[in-house]
Amino acid sequence: GAPPALRDLMDEQGRITRWPGKLKDQEVLLRYLIEKFEPERGYSERQVNELLQTWYLDADFVLVRRSLIDAGLLN
C-alpha cells in the first residue's frame, strides 16, 4: 500500500499529484517512485521520463528525476 505520508499527495490510482513540502515526505516519495522501476534494468532517459510521468502527475517530473539521481536512487 501507499505510505501514509503520501496519501494526501495521491489520486485513487496511487499516482502522485504534487511534490511534498517536507524533506522527510520528499524522501518517502522518492522511495515510493523508485519502486516503480525494475531493479537491474537499464532505462533510457525517455523511458525514465515516461515512467515518471505515469506515476507523477505534476508537470515538473524533471525535478523528481533529478532528485532520484541526487539521492543515489537512480543513475
N, C-alpha and C. Protein backbone atom coordinates (compact mmCIF):
# COMPACT_ATOMS: atom_id res chain seq x y z
N GLY A 1 0.80 -1.20 0.00
CA GLY A 1 0.00 0.00 0.00
C GLY A 1 0.84 1.26 0.00
N ALA A 2 0.17 2.35 -0.11
CA ALA A 2 0.84 3.64 -0.14
C ALA A 2 1.31 4.04 1.26
N PRO A 3 2.49 4.63 1.35
CA PRO A 3 2.93 5.13 2.66
C PRO A 3 1.97 6.21 3.16
N PRO A 4 1.63 6.19 4.44
CA PRO A 4 0.69 7.17 4.99
C PRO A 4 1.09 8.62 4.70
N ALA A 5 2.38 8.91 4.69
CA ALA A 5 2.85 10.29 4.47
C ALA A 5 2.48 10.79 3.08
N LEU A 6 2.21 9.88 2.15
CA LEU A 6 1.93 10.28 0.77
C LEU A 6 0.46 10.29 0.42
N ARG A 7 -0.39 9.78 1.27
CA ARG A 7 -1.80 9.61 0.89
C ARG A 7 -2.47 10.91 0.46
N ASP A 8 -2.11 12.03 1.09
CA ASP A 8 -2.70 13.32 0.71
C ASP A 8 -2.16 13.83 -0.63
N LEU A 9 -1.10 13.23 -1.11
CA LEU A 9 -0.46 13.67 -2.36
C LEU A 9 -0.84 12.79 -3.53
N MET A 10 -1.76 11.83 -3.33
CA MET A 10 -2.05 10.82 -4.34
C MET A 10 -3.48 10.88 -4.83
N ASP A 11 -3.66 10.37 -6.06
CA ASP A 11 -5.01 10.16 -6.56
C ASP A 11 -5.42 8.72 -6.25
N GLU A 12 -6.59 8.32 -6.72
CA GLU A 12 -7.13 6.99 -6.40
C GLU A 12 -6.28 5.85 -6.97
N GLN A 13 -5.52 6.11 -8.03
CA GLN A 13 -4.68 5.07 -8.65
C GLN A 13 -3.27 5.00 -8.04
N GLY A 14 -3.01 5.79 -7.01
CA GLY A 14 -1.70 5.77 -6.38
C GLY A 14 -0.68 6.64 -7.09
N ARG A 15 -1.16 7.53 -7.96
CA ARG A 15 -0.24 8.43 -8.66
C ARG A 15 -0.05 9.70 -7.84
N ILE A 16 1.16 10.19 -7.84
CA ILE A 16 1.50 11.39 -7.07
C ILE A 16 1.00 12.62 -7.83
N THR A 17 0.32 13.51 -7.12
CA THR A 17 -0.25 14.69 -7.77
C THR A 17 0.56 15.96 -7.52
N ARG A 18 1.43 15.96 -6.51
CA ARG A 18 2.24 17.16 -6.25
C ARG A 18 3.44 16.80 -5.39
N TRP A 19 4.44 17.65 -5.44
CA TRP A 19 5.68 17.50 -4.68
C TRP A 19 5.43 17.92 -3.24
N PRO A 20 5.82 17.10 -2.26
CA PRO A 20 5.59 17.47 -0.86
C PRO A 20 6.54 18.57 -0.41
N GLY A 21 6.10 19.34 0.56
CA GLY A 21 6.92 20.42 1.10
C GLY A 21 7.98 19.94 2.08
N LYS A 22 7.68 18.91 2.85
CA LYS A 22 8.60 18.44 3.88
C LYS A 22 9.66 17.52 3.27
N LEU A 23 10.91 17.74 3.69
CA LEU A 23 12.02 16.93 3.19
C LEU A 23 11.79 15.43 3.47
N LYS A 24 11.31 15.13 4.67
CA LYS A 24 11.06 13.73 5.03
C LYS A 24 10.05 13.10 4.08
N ASP A 25 8.98 13.83 3.75
CA ASP A 25 7.98 13.32 2.81
C ASP A 25 8.53 13.20 1.40
N GLN A 26 9.45 14.11 1.03
CA GLN A 26 10.09 14.02 -0.28
C GLN A 26 10.89 12.71 -0.38
N GLU A 27 11.59 12.35 0.70
CA GLU A 27 12.36 11.10 0.71
C GLU A 27 11.45 9.89 0.58
N VAL A 28 10.31 9.92 1.27
CA VAL A 28 9.33 8.83 1.17
C VAL A 28 8.80 8.74 -0.26
N LEU A 29 8.51 9.89 -0.87
CA LEU A 29 8.02 9.93 -2.24
C LEU A 29 9.04 9.34 -3.21
N LEU A 30 10.31 9.69 -3.04
CA LEU A 30 11.35 9.16 -3.94
C LEU A 30 11.47 7.66 -3.81
N ARG A 31 11.42 7.15 -2.58
CA ARG A 31 11.49 5.69 -2.38
C ARG A 31 10.27 5.01 -2.99
N TYR A 32 9.10 5.63 -2.89
CA TYR A 32 7.87 5.09 -3.50
C TYR A 32 8.02 5.02 -5.02
N LEU A 33 8.52 6.09 -5.62
CA LEU A 33 8.63 6.12 -7.07
C LEU A 33 9.73 5.19 -7.59
N ILE A 34 10.82 5.06 -6.87
CA ILE A 34 11.91 4.20 -7.36
C ILE A 34 11.45 2.74 -7.39
N GLU A 35 10.48 2.38 -6.55
CA GLU A 35 9.94 1.02 -6.56
C GLU A 35 9.18 0.71 -7.85
N LYS A 36 8.82 1.75 -8.62
CA LYS A 36 8.12 1.55 -9.89
C LYS A 36 9.06 1.08 -11.00
N PHE A 37 10.35 1.21 -10.76
CA PHE A 37 11.36 0.77 -11.73
C PHE A 37 11.74 -0.68 -11.44
N GLU A 38 12.08 -1.43 -12.50
CA GLU A 38 12.57 -2.79 -12.32
C GLU A 38 14.05 -2.73 -11.96
N PRO A 39 14.44 -3.40 -10.87
CA PRO A 39 15.86 -3.39 -10.48
C PRO A 39 16.73 -4.01 -11.58
N GLU A 40 17.92 -3.51 -11.70
CA GLU A 40 18.92 -4.05 -12.63
C GLU A 40 18.56 -3.89 -14.09
N ARG A 41 17.47 -3.21 -14.41
CA ARG A 41 17.11 -2.97 -15.80
C ARG A 41 17.64 -1.62 -16.23
N GLY A 42 18.16 -1.54 -17.42
CA GLY A 42 18.61 -0.27 -17.96
C GLY A 42 17.43 0.48 -18.57
N TYR A 43 17.35 1.75 -18.29
CA TYR A 43 16.29 2.60 -18.84
C TYR A 43 16.94 3.74 -19.62
N SER A 44 16.39 4.07 -20.77
CA SER A 44 16.82 5.28 -21.47
C SER A 44 16.23 6.48 -20.73
N GLU A 45 16.76 7.66 -21.03
CA GLU A 45 16.21 8.87 -20.39
C GLU A 45 14.73 9.01 -20.74
N ARG A 46 14.38 8.70 -21.98
CA ARG A 46 12.97 8.78 -22.40
C ARG A 46 12.09 7.81 -21.60
N GLN A 47 12.59 6.58 -21.39
CA GLN A 47 11.82 5.60 -20.62
C GLN A 47 11.66 6.04 -19.17
N VAL A 48 12.71 6.62 -18.60
CA VAL A 48 12.63 7.14 -17.23
C VAL A 48 11.57 8.23 -17.18
N ASN A 49 11.61 9.16 -18.15
CA ASN A 49 10.63 10.25 -18.17
C ASN A 49 9.21 9.72 -18.30
N GLU A 50 9.01 8.74 -19.18
CA GLU A 50 7.66 8.18 -19.37
C GLU A 50 7.16 7.50 -18.11
N LEU A 51 8.03 6.75 -17.45
CA LEU A 51 7.61 6.07 -16.22
C LEU A 51 7.27 7.09 -15.15
N LEU A 52 8.11 8.12 -15.01
CA LEU A 52 7.83 9.14 -14.00
C LEU A 52 6.54 9.89 -14.32
N GLN A 53 6.29 10.18 -15.60
CA GLN A 53 5.07 10.88 -15.96
C GLN A 53 3.83 10.02 -15.72
N THR A 54 3.99 8.71 -15.73
CA THR A 54 2.89 7.82 -15.42
C THR A 54 2.51 7.91 -13.94
N TRP A 55 3.53 8.01 -13.07
CA TRP A 55 3.29 7.95 -11.63
C TRP A 55 3.35 9.30 -10.93
N TYR A 56 3.83 10.32 -11.64
CA TYR A 56 3.94 11.66 -11.06
C TYR A 56 3.24 12.62 -12.00
N LEU A 57 2.07 13.10 -11.60
CA LEU A 57 1.19 13.84 -12.50
C LEU A 57 1.49 15.33 -12.60
N ASP A 58 2.32 15.86 -11.72
CA ASP A 58 2.70 17.26 -11.81
C ASP A 58 3.61 17.46 -13.03
N ALA A 59 3.57 18.63 -13.62
CA ALA A 59 4.34 18.88 -14.84
C ALA A 59 5.85 18.79 -14.62
N ASP A 60 6.31 19.05 -13.40
CA ASP A 60 7.76 19.12 -13.15
C ASP A 60 8.33 17.76 -12.76
N PHE A 61 8.16 16.77 -13.64
CA PHE A 61 8.73 15.45 -13.36
C PHE A 61 10.26 15.48 -13.43
N VAL A 62 10.83 16.50 -14.10
CA VAL A 62 12.28 16.62 -14.19
C VAL A 62 12.87 16.84 -12.79
N LEU A 63 12.16 17.59 -11.95
CA LEU A 63 12.57 17.76 -10.56
C LEU A 63 12.68 16.40 -9.86
N VAL A 64 11.71 15.54 -10.11
CA VAL A 64 11.72 14.22 -9.48
C VAL A 64 12.89 13.39 -10.00
N ARG A 65 13.10 13.41 -11.31
CA ARG A 65 14.22 12.65 -11.89
C ARG A 65 15.54 13.13 -11.30
N ARG A 66 15.74 14.44 -11.23
CA ARG A 66 16.97 14.99 -10.68
C ARG A 66 17.11 14.59 -9.21
N SER A 67 16.00 14.62 -8.47
CA SER A 67 16.05 14.26 -7.04
C SER A 67 16.39 12.79 -6.85
N LEU A 68 15.86 11.91 -7.72
CA LEU A 68 16.20 10.49 -7.64
C LEU A 68 17.70 10.28 -7.89
N ILE A 69 18.25 11.02 -8.83
CA ILE A 69 19.69 10.90 -9.14
C ILE A 69 20.50 11.45 -7.98
N ASP A 70 20.12 12.64 -7.48
CA ASP A 70 20.85 13.25 -6.37
C ASP A 70 20.84 12.38 -5.13
N ALA A 71 19.75 11.64 -4.92
CA ALA A 71 19.62 10.77 -3.74
C ALA A 71 20.36 9.44 -3.94
N GLY A 72 20.92 9.23 -5.13
CA GLY A 72 21.64 7.99 -5.41
C GLY A 72 20.72 6.81 -5.69
N LEU A 73 19.44 7.09 -5.95
CA LEU A 73 18.50 6.02 -6.21
C LEU A 73 18.44 5.66 -7.70
N LEU A 74 18.90 6.57 -8.54
CA LEU A 74 18.85 6.38 -9.99
C LEU A 74 20.16 6.93 -10.55
N ASN A 75 20.74 6.19 -11.51
CA ASN A 75 21.96 6.74 -12.12
C ASN A 75 21.92 6.60 -13.62
